[in-house]
Structures are given as structure tokens and as C-alpha cells.
């Protein structure tokens, strides 16, 4: 049976993550407050950010930028704008 949490992003109860995906205190917060559905939405946005901005995950500045965007997206409800991205119409 899956764990049900009150998801900060979705603002409703939803199945939680099955294990902590991110390290440290932020990882604990994500595990306790972010649903599997919200995490999947973040993964899509994260992939777009990495690709469109050509982020390199071995670069600490790029990792910090991505982490800040993740916090903004998941906990602050901010829509992350991806420079250069144009949706197909």
C-alpha cells in the first residue's frame, strides 16, 4: 500500500514517494511533502531546464541553479521559465 501525504505542490492528498530521492534535509522535506505525481512534473521541467540551458551536472553552479529552481517549483509554486523554449503550437 502506498504512503499518502498532503502534497505541498498539489495542495491535496496524494500518494507519496516510495523512498527519499534527494539527499540531506531538502531530500527529507521532499519525501515528506511532495507526492510522486508532483515529483514527476518536476522531472519533466528539470529535463527541459538541463537541455535548454545546456546545464552540466558536474558543475556546482549549475547544480545549485537547478536546486534553486526545484525549490521554487515544488515549494514556492513558481512557474519556471525556460529561456529559449517555445512550445509546439
PDB file of N, CA and C in Angstrom:
ATOM      1  N   UNK A   1       0.849  -1.180   0.000  1.00  0.00           N
ATOM      2  CA  UNK A   1       0.000   0.000   0.000  1.00  0.00           C
ATOM      3  C   UNK A   1       0.892   1.241   0.000  1.00  0.00           C
ATOM      4  N   UNK A   2       0.542   2.195  -0.843  1.00  0.00           N
ATOM      5  CA  UNK A   2       1.375   3.386  -0.943  1.00  0.00           C
ATOM      6  C   UNK A   2       1.088   4.361   0.195  1.00  0.00           C
ATOM      7  N   UNK A   3       2.067   5.130   0.482  1.00  0.00           N
ATOM      8  CA  UNK A   3       2.011   6.146   1.515  1.00  0.00           C
ATOM      9  C   UNK A   3       1.264   7.355   0.962  1.00  0.00           C
ATOM     10  N   UNK A   4       0.326   7.892   1.701  1.00  0.00           N
ATOM     11  CA  UNK A   4      -0.423   9.068   1.264  1.00  0.00           C
ATOM     12  C   UNK A   4       0.042  10.257   2.101  1.00  0.00           C
ATOM     13  N   UNK A   5       0.327  11.352   1.397  1.00  0.00           N
ATOM     14  CA  UNK A   5       0.779  12.573   2.070  1.00  0.00           C
ATOM     15  C   UNK A   5      -0.067  13.756   1.618  1.00  0.00           C
ATOM     16  N   UNK A   6       0.025  14.837   2.349  1.00  0.00           N
ATOM     17  CA  UNK A   6      -0.567  16.100   1.906  1.00  0.00           C
ATOM     18  C   UNK A   6       0.511  16.797   1.097  1.00  0.00           C
ATOM     19  N   UNK A   7       0.337  16.831  -0.206  1.00  0.00           N
ATOM     20  CA  UNK A   7       1.357  17.352  -1.121  1.00  0.00           C
ATOM     21  C   UNK A   7       1.335  18.878  -1.123  1.00  0.00           C
ATOM     22  N   UNK A   8       2.477  19.468  -0.843  1.00  0.00           N
ATOM     23  CA  UNK A   8       2.617  20.924  -0.839  1.00  0.00           C
ATOM     24  C   UNK A   8       2.379  21.498  -2.231  1.00  0.00           C
ATOM     25  N   UNK A   9       2.858  20.819  -3.259  1.00  0.00           N
ATOM     26  CA  UNK A   9       2.721  21.312  -4.634  1.00  0.00           C
ATOM     27  C   UNK A   9       1.280  21.211  -5.133  1.00  0.00           C
ATOM     28  N   UNK A  10       0.680  20.028  -4.970  1.00  0.00           N
ATOM     29  CA  UNK A  10      -0.684  19.811  -5.480  1.00  0.00           C
ATOM     30  C   UNK A  10      -1.762  20.380  -4.563  1.00  0.00           C
ATOM     31  N   UNK A  11      -1.392  20.617  -3.299  1.00  0.00           N
ATOM     32  CA  UNK A  11      -2.324  21.126  -2.289  1.00  0.00           C
ATOM     33  C   UNK A  11      -3.502  20.182  -2.059  1.00  0.00           C
ATOM     34  N   UNK A  12      -3.160  18.879  -2.074  1.00  0.00           N
ATOM     35  CA  UNK A  12      -4.158  17.839  -1.770  1.00  0.00           C
ATOM     36  C   UNK A  12      -3.429  16.567  -1.390  1.00  0.00           C
ATOM     37  N   UNK A  13      -4.182  15.617  -0.851  1.00  0.00           N
ATOM     38  CA  UNK A  13      -3.591  14.327  -0.523  1.00  0.00           C
ATOM     39  C   UNK A  13      -3.318  13.542  -1.799  1.00  0.00           C
ATOM     40  N   UNK A  14      -2.170  12.878  -1.812  1.00  0.00           N
ATOM     41  CA  UNK A  14      -1.770  12.093  -2.981  1.00  0.00           C
ATOM     42  C   UNK A  14      -0.727  11.068  -2.536  1.00  0.00           C
ATOM     43  N   UNK A  15      -0.542  10.014  -3.331  1.00  0.00           N
ATOM     44  CA  UNK A  15       0.485   9.027  -2.991  1.00  0.00           C
ATOM     45  C   UNK A  15       1.871   9.681  -2.952  1.00  0.00           C
ATOM     46  N   UNK A  16       2.621   9.363  -1.892  1.00  0.00           N
ATOM     47  CA  UNK A  16       3.954   9.923  -1.719  1.00  0.00           C
ATOM     48  C   UNK A  16       5.011   9.114  -2.453  1.00  0.00           C
ATOM     49  N   UNK A  17       6.213   9.610  -2.411  1.00  0.00           N
ATOM     50  CA  UNK A  17       7.358   8.910  -2.992  1.00  0.00           C
ATOM     51  C   UNK A  17       7.628   7.649  -2.168  1.00  0.00           C
ATOM     52  N   UNK A  18       8.207   6.643  -2.805  1.00  0.00           N
ATOM     53  CA  UNK A  18       8.457   5.382  -2.099  1.00  0.00           C
ATOM     54  C   UNK A  18       9.749   5.422  -1.290  1.00  0.00           C
ATOM     55  N   UNK A  19      10.667   6.311  -1.651  1.00  0.00           N
ATOM     56  CA  UNK A  19      11.900   6.475  -0.885  1.00  0.00           C
ATOM     57  C   UNK A  19      12.453   7.875  -1.134  1.00  0.00           C
ATOM     58  N   UNK A  20      13.400   8.282  -0.312  1.00  0.00           N
ATOM     59  CA  UNK A  20      13.986   9.622  -0.422  1.00  0.00           C
ATOM     60  C   UNK A  20      14.897   9.669  -1.641  1.00  0.00           C
ATOM     61  N   UNK A  21      14.542  10.509  -2.613  1.00  0.00           N
ATOM     62  CA  UNK A  21      15.270  10.598  -3.874  1.00  0.00           C
ATOM     63  C   UNK A  21      16.386  11.634  -3.872  1.00  0.00           C
ATOM     64  N   UNK A  22      16.368  12.543  -2.921  1.00  0.00           N
ATOM     65  CA  UNK A  22      17.308  13.660  -2.901  1.00  0.00           C
ATOM     66  C   UNK A  22      17.983  13.663  -1.530  1.00  0.00           C
ATOM     67  N   UNK A  23      19.265  13.978  -1.459  1.00  0.00           N
ATOM     68  CA  UNK A  23      19.971  13.882  -0.179  1.00  0.00           C
ATOM     69  C   UNK A  23      19.676  15.038   0.782  1.00  0.00           C
ATOM     70  N   UNK A  24      20.033  14.835   2.024  1.00  0.00           N
ATOM     71  CA  UNK A  24      20.016  15.892   3.032  1.00  0.00           C
ATOM     72  C   UNK A  24      18.639  16.296   3.518  1.00  0.00           C
ATOM     73  N   UNK A  25      18.631  17.448   4.176  1.00  0.00           N
ATOM     74  CA  UNK A  25      17.392  17.981   4.749  1.00  0.00           C
ATOM     75  C   UNK A  25      16.363  18.295   3.670  1.00  0.00           C
ATOM     76  N   UNK A  26      16.822  18.825   2.537  1.00  0.00           N
ATOM     77  CA  UNK A  26      15.898  19.105   1.439  1.00  0.00           C
ATOM     78  C   UNK A  26      15.273  17.807   0.942  1.00  0.00           C
ATOM     79  N   UNK A  27      16.046  16.755   0.871  1.00  0.00           N
ATOM     80  CA  UNK A  27      15.527  15.451   0.463  1.00  0.00           C
ATOM     81  C   UNK A  27      14.459  14.934   1.416  1.00  0.00           C
ATOM     82  N   UNK A  28      14.684  15.138   2.719  1.00  0.00           N
ATOM     83  CA  UNK A  28      13.682  14.728   3.717  1.00  0.00           C
ATOM     84  C   UNK A  28      12.391  15.530   3.531  1.00  0.00           C
ATOM     85  N   UNK A  29      12.552  16.815   3.273  1.00  0.00           N
ATOM     86  CA  UNK A  29      11.378  17.668   3.065  1.00  0.00           C
ATOM     87  C   UNK A  29      10.607  17.229   1.821  1.00  0.00           C
ATOM     88  N   UNK A  30      11.325  16.935   0.741  1.00  0.00           N
ATOM     89  CA  UNK A  30      10.684  16.456  -0.490  1.00  0.00           C
ATOM     90  C   UNK A  30       9.944  15.150  -0.217  1.00  0.00           C
ATOM     91  N   UNK A  31      10.593  14.218   0.463  1.00  0.00           N
ATOM     92  CA  UNK A  31       9.983  12.920   0.771  1.00  0.00           C
ATOM     93  C   UNK A  31       8.700  13.084   1.585  1.00  0.00           C
ATOM     94  N   UNK A  32       8.706  14.014   2.525  1.00  0.00           N
ATOM     95  CA  UNK A  32       7.559  14.194   3.421  1.00  0.00           C
ATOM     96  C   UNK A  32       6.449  15.070   2.857  1.00  0.00           C
ATOM     97  N   UNK A  33       6.762  15.955   1.905  1.00  0.00           N
ATOM     98  CA  UNK A  33       5.776  16.939   1.467  1.00  0.00           C
ATOM     99  C   UNK A  33       5.431  16.918  -0.024  1.00  0.00           C
ATOM    100  N   UNK A  34       6.160  16.144  -0.826  1.00  0.00           N
ATOM    101  CA  UNK A  34       5.939  16.158  -2.275  1.00  0.00           C
ATOM    102  C   UNK A  34       5.474  14.780  -2.743  1.00  0.00           C
ATOM    103  N   UNK A  35       4.398  14.764  -3.499  1.00  0.00           N
ATOM    104  CA  UNK A  35       3.835  13.498  -3.986  1.00  0.00           C
ATOM    105  C   UNK A  35       4.630  12.971  -5.179  1.00  0.00           C
ATOM    106  N   UNK A  36       4.402  11.716  -5.485  1.00  0.00           N
ATOM    107  CA  UNK A  36       5.034  11.099  -6.656  1.00  0.00           C
ATOM    108  C   UNK A  36       4.608  11.825  -7.933  1.00  0.00           C
ATOM    109  N   UNK A  37       3.357  12.243  -7.997  1.00  0.00           N
ATOM    110  CA  UNK A  37       2.850  12.967  -9.165  1.00  0.00           C
ATOM    111  C   UNK A  37       3.561  14.308  -9.336  1.00  0.00           C
ATOM    112  N   UNK A  38       3.714  15.053  -8.247  1.00  0.00           N
ATOM    113  CA  UNK A  38       4.396  16.350  -8.307  1.00  0.00           C
ATOM    114  C   UNK A  38       5.873  16.163  -8.665  1.00  0.00           C
ATOM    115  N   UNK A  39       6.488  15.113  -8.138  1.00  0.00           N
ATOM    116  CA  UNK A  39       7.887  14.847  -8.460  1.00  0.00           C
ATOM    117  C   UNK A  39       8.046  14.558  -9.955  1.00  0.00           C
ATOM    118  N   UNK A  40       7.110  13.816 -10.540  1.00  0.00           N
ATOM    119  CA  UNK A  40       7.158  13.522 -11.974  1.00  0.00           C
ATOM    120  C   UNK A  40       7.038  14.809 -12.791  1.00  0.00           C
ATOM    121  N   UNK A  41       6.196  15.731 -12.343  1.00  0.00           N
ATOM    122  CA  UNK A  41       6.078  17.027 -13.028  1.00  0.00           C
ATOM    123  C   UNK A  41       7.399  17.786 -12.952  1.00  0.00           C
ATOM    124  N   UNK A  42       8.043  17.748 -11.776  1.00  0.00           N
ATOM    125  CA  UNK A  42       9.337  18.407 -11.637  1.00  0.00           C
ATOM    126  C   UNK A  42      10.374  17.754 -12.554  1.00  0.00           C
ATOM    127  N   UNK A  43      10.386  16.447 -12.660  1.00  0.00           N
ATOM    128  CA  UNK A  43      11.365  15.771 -13.509  1.00  0.00           C
ATOM    129  C   UNK A  43      11.242  16.208 -14.965  1.00  0.00           C
ATOM    130  N   UNK A  44      10.027  16.407 -15.436  1.00  0.00           N
ATOM    131  CA  UNK A  44       9.830  16.896 -16.801  1.00  0.00           C
ATOM    132  C   UNK A  44      10.415  18.303 -16.949  1.00  0.00           C
ATOM    133  N   UNK A  45      10.119  19.163 -15.980  1.00  0.00           N
ATOM    134  CA  UNK A  45      10.629  20.540 -16.014  1.00  0.00           C
ATOM    135  C   UNK A  45      12.147  20.552 -15.891  1.00  0.00           C
ATOM    136  N   UNK A  46      12.675  19.704 -15.025  1.00  0.00           N
ATOM    137  CA  UNK A  46      14.121  19.609 -14.815  1.00  0.00           C
ATOM    138  C   UNK A  46      14.840  19.201 -16.103  1.00  0.00           C
ATOM    139  N   UNK A  47      14.287  18.229 -16.801  1.00  0.00           N
ATOM    140  CA  UNK A  47      14.884  17.768 -18.056  1.00  0.00           C
ATOM    141  C   UNK A  47      14.927  18.904 -19.071  1.00  0.00           C
ATOM    142  N   UNK A  48      13.854  19.660 -19.147  1.00  0.00           N
ATOM    143  CA  UNK A  48      13.812  20.794 -20.065  1.00  0.00           C
ATOM    144  C   UNK A  48      14.851  21.844 -19.680  1.00  0.00           C
ATOM    145  N   UNK A  49      14.964  22.131 -18.382  1.00  0.00           N
ATOM    146  CA  UNK A  49      15.949  23.111 -17.908  1.00  0.00           C
ATOM    147  C   UNK A  49      17.372  22.681 -18.259  1.00  0.00           C
ATOM    148  N   UNK A  50      17.673  21.428 -18.002  1.00  0.00           N
ATOM    149  CA  UNK A  50      19.019  20.918 -18.283  1.00  0.00           C
ATOM    150  C   UNK A  50      19.315  20.999 -19.774  1.00  0.00           C
ATOM    151  N   UNK A  51      18.375  20.559 -20.587  1.00  0.00           N
ATOM    152  CA  UNK A  51      18.601  20.531 -22.030  1.00  0.00           C
ATOM    153  C   UNK A  51      18.643  21.925 -22.645  1.00  0.00           C
ATOM    154  N   UNK A  52      17.670  22.755 -22.349  1.00  0.00           N
ATOM    155  CA  UNK A  52      17.590  24.076 -22.979  1.00  0.00           C
ATOM    156  C   UNK A  52      18.715  25.004 -22.526  1.00  0.00           C
ATOM    157  N   UNK A  53      19.140  24.854 -21.271  1.00  0.00           N
ATOM    158  CA  UNK A  53      20.207  25.711 -20.749  1.00  0.00           C
ATOM    159  C   UNK A  53      21.580  25.053 -20.818  1.00  0.00           C
ATOM    160  N   UNK A  54      21.608  23.847 -21.359  1.00  0.00           N
ATOM    161  CA  UNK A  54      22.857  23.082 -21.500  1.00  0.00           C
ATOM    162  C   UNK A  54      23.615  23.021 -20.176  1.00  0.00           C
ATOM    163  N   UNK A  55      22.875  22.658 -19.125  1.00  0.00           N
ATOM    164  CA  UNK A  55      23.495  22.555 -17.805  1.00  0.00           C
ATOM    165  C   UNK A  55      24.353  21.298 -17.728  1.00  0.00           C
ATOM    166  N   UNK A  56      25.449  21.411 -17.016  1.00  0.00           N
ATOM    167  CA  UNK A  56      26.370  20.297 -16.817  1.00  0.00           C
ATOM    168  C   UNK A  56      26.326  19.953 -15.331  1.00  0.00           C
ATOM    169  N   UNK A  57      25.909  18.738 -15.019  1.00  0.00           N
ATOM    170  CA  UNK A  57      25.680  18.374 -13.629  1.00  0.00           C
ATOM    171  C   UNK A  57      26.960  18.192 -12.817  1.00  0.00           C
ATOM    172  N   UNK A  58      28.117  18.189 -13.443  1.00  0.00           N
ATOM    173  CA  UNK A  58      29.376  18.178 -12.696  1.00  0.00           C
ATOM    174  C   UNK A  58      29.784  19.584 -12.271  1.00  0.00           C
ATOM    175  N   UNK A  59      29.084  20.603 -12.786  1.00  0.00           N
ATOM    176  CA  UNK A  59      29.354  21.998 -12.449  1.00  0.00           C
ATOM    177  C   UNK A  59      28.517  22.373 -11.226  1.00  0.00           C
ATOM    178  N   UNK A  60      29.178  22.752 -10.134  1.00  0.00           N
ATOM    179  CA  UNK A  60      28.449  23.046  -8.892  1.00  0.00           C
ATOM    180  C   UNK A  60      27.493  24.230  -9.037  1.00  0.00           C
ATOM    181  N   UNK A  61      27.845  25.223  -9.854  1.00  0.00           N
ATOM    182  CA  UNK A  61      26.945  26.361 -10.077  1.00  0.00           C
ATOM    183  C   UNK A  61      25.677  25.911 -10.795  1.00  0.00           C
ATOM    184  N   UNK A  62      25.813  25.019 -11.744  1.00  0.00           N
ATOM    185  CA  UNK A  62      24.650  24.505 -12.469  1.00  0.00           C
ATOM    186  C   UNK A  62      23.761  23.675 -11.548  1.00  0.00           C
ATOM    187  N   UNK A  63      24.374  22.861 -10.686  1.00  0.00           N
ATOM    188  CA  UNK A  63      23.590  22.064  -9.734  1.00  0.00           C
ATOM    189  C   UNK A  63      22.838  22.969  -8.767  1.00  0.00           C
ATOM    190  N   UNK A  64      23.473  24.038  -8.310  1.00  0.00           N
ATOM    191  CA  UNK A  64      22.828  24.974  -7.390  1.00  0.00           C
ATOM    192  C   UNK A  64      21.661  25.688  -8.079  1.00  0.00           C
ATOM    193  N   UNK A  65      21.858  26.095  -9.333  1.00  0.00           N
ATOM    194  CA  UNK A  65      20.792  26.729 -10.107  1.00  0.00           C
ATOM    195  C   UNK A  65      19.590  25.782 -10.222  1.00  0.00           C
ATOM    196  N   UNK A  66      19.863  24.522 -10.508  1.00  0.00           N
ATOM    197  CA  UNK A  66      18.797  23.538 -10.649  1.00  0.00           C
ATOM    198  C   UNK A  66      18.097  23.280  -9.316  1.00  0.00           C
ATOM    199  N   UNK A  67      18.858  23.225  -8.237  1.00  0.00           N
ATOM    200  CA  UNK A  67      18.267  23.020  -6.914  1.00  0.00           C
ATOM    201  C   UNK A  67      17.367  24.198  -6.536  1.00  0.00           C
ATOM    202  N   UNK A  68      17.824  25.417  -6.811  1.00  0.00           N
ATOM    203  CA  UNK A  68      17.004  26.600  -6.515  1.00  0.00           C
ATOM    204  C   UNK A  68      15.704  26.571  -7.326  1.00  0.00           C
ATOM    205  N   UNK A  69      15.807  26.177  -8.594  1.00  0.00           N
ATOM    206  CA  UNK A  69      14.616  26.082  -9.440  1.00  0.00           C
ATOM    207  C   UNK A  69      13.671  25.014  -8.899  1.00  0.00           C
ATOM    208  N   UNK A  70      14.226  23.910  -8.404  1.00  0.00           N
ATOM    209  CA  UNK A  70      13.409  22.834  -7.845  1.00  0.00           C
ATOM    210  C   UNK A  70      12.628  23.318  -6.619  1.00  0.00           C
ATOM    211  N   UNK A  71      13.295  24.023  -5.734  1.00  0.00           N
ATOM    212  CA  UNK A  71      12.625  24.560  -4.536  1.00  0.00           C
ATOM    213  C   UNK A  71      11.541  25.547  -4.944  1.00  0.00           C
ATOM    214  N   UNK A  72      11.857  26.441  -5.869  1.00  0.00           N
ATOM    215  CA  UNK A  72      10.864  27.410  -6.356  1.00  0.00           C
ATOM    216  C   UNK A  72       9.646  26.700  -6.946  1.00  0.00           C
ATOM    217  N   UNK A  73       9.879  25.681  -7.737  1.00  0.00           N
ATOM    218  CA  UNK A  73       8.807  24.957  -8.411  1.00  0.00           C
ATOM    219  C   UNK A  73       7.964  24.147  -7.424  1.00  0.00           C
ATOM    220  N   UNK A  74       8.616  23.351  -6.594  1.00  0.00           N
ATOM    221  CA  UNK A  74       7.886  22.427  -5.716  1.00  0.00           C
ATOM    222  C   UNK A  74       7.278  23.090  -4.491  1.00  0.00           C
ATOM    223  N   UNK A  75       7.974  24.040  -3.895  1.00  0.00           N
ATOM    224  CA  UNK A  75       7.527  24.590  -2.609  1.00  0.00           C
ATOM    225  C   UNK A  75       6.996  26.017  -2.681  1.00  0.00           C
ATOM    226  N   UNK A  76       7.450  26.793  -3.657  1.00  0.00           N
ATOM    227  CA  UNK A  76       7.024  28.188  -3.755  1.00  0.00           C
ATOM    228  C   UNK A  76       5.921  28.395  -4.791  1.00  0.00           C
ATOM    229  N   UNK A  77       5.630  27.360  -5.580  1.00  0.00           N
ATOM    230  CA  UNK A  77       4.581  27.458  -6.591  1.00  0.00           C
ATOM    231  C   UNK A  77       4.934  28.347  -7.766  1.00  0.00           C
ATOM    232  N   UNK A  78       6.218  28.595  -7.973  1.00  0.00           N
ATOM    233  CA  UNK A  78       6.645  29.457  -9.076  1.00  0.00           C
ATOM    234  C   UNK A  78       6.729  28.652 -10.367  1.00  0.00           C
ATOM    235  N   UNK A  79       6.281  29.266 -11.446  1.00  0.00           N
ATOM    236  CA  UNK A  79       6.412  28.653 -12.763  1.00  0.00           C
ATOM    237  C   UNK A  79       7.817  28.938 -13.267  1.00  0.00           C
ATOM    238  N   UNK A  80       8.552  27.914 -13.574  1.00  0.00           N
ATOM    239  CA  UNK A  80       9.931  28.068 -14.028  1.00  0.00           C
ATOM    240  C   UNK A  80       9.931  28.371 -15.517  1.00  0.00           C
ATOM    241  N   UNK A  81      10.427  29.533 -15.876  1.00  0.00           N
ATOM    242  CA  UNK A  81      10.523  29.930 -17.273  1.00  0.00           C
ATOM    243  C   UNK A  81      11.818  29.387 -17.852  1.00  0.00           C
ATOM    244  N   UNK A  82      11.726  28.783 -19.014  1.00  0.00           N
ATOM    245  CA  UNK A  82      12.891  28.199 -19.659  1.00  0.00           C
ATOM    246  C   UNK A  82      13.235  29.052 -20.864  1.00  0.00           C
ATOM    247  N   UNK A  83      14.330  29.776 -20.752  1.00  0.00           N
ATOM    248  CA  UNK A  83      14.769  30.693 -21.786  1.00  0.00           C
ATOM    249  C   UNK A  83      15.036  29.920 -23.083  1.00  0.00           C
ATOM    250  N   UNK A  84      14.464  30.393 -24.157  1.00  0.00           N
ATOM    251  CA  UNK A  84      14.673  29.770 -25.458  1.00  0.00           C
ATOM    252  C   UNK A  84      13.670  28.699 -25.808  1.00  0.00           C
ATOM    253  N   UNK A  85      12.874  28.244 -24.829  1.00  0.00           N
ATOM    254  CA  UNK A  85      11.912  27.185 -25.101  1.00  0.00           C
ATOM    255  C   UNK A  85      10.641  27.770 -25.714  1.00  0.00           C
ATOM    256  N   UNK A  86      10.209  27.194 -26.820  1.00  0.00           N
ATOM    257  CA  UNK A  86       8.955  27.609 -27.455  1.00  0.00           C
ATOM    258  C   UNK A  86       8.115  26.365 -27.637  1.00  0.00           C
ATOM    259  N   UNK A  87       6.969  26.286 -26.969  1.00  0.00           N
ATOM    260  CA  UNK A  87       6.110  25.102 -27.117  1.00  0.00           C
ATOM    261  C   UNK A  87       5.590  24.971 -28.543  1.00  0.00           C
ATOM    262  N   UNK A  88       5.389  23.751 -28.945  1.00  0.00           N
ATOM    263  CA  UNK A  88       4.823  23.489 -30.291  1.00  0.00           C
ATOM    264  C   UNK A  88       3.370  23.891 -30.277  1.00  0.00           C
ATOM    265  N   UNK A  89       2.981  24.706 -31.277  1.00  0.00           N
ATOM    266  CA  UNK A  89       1.581  25.154 -31.295  1.00  0.00           C
ATOM    267  C   UNK A  89       0.788  24.441 -32.342  1.00  0.00           C
TER     268      UNK A  89
END
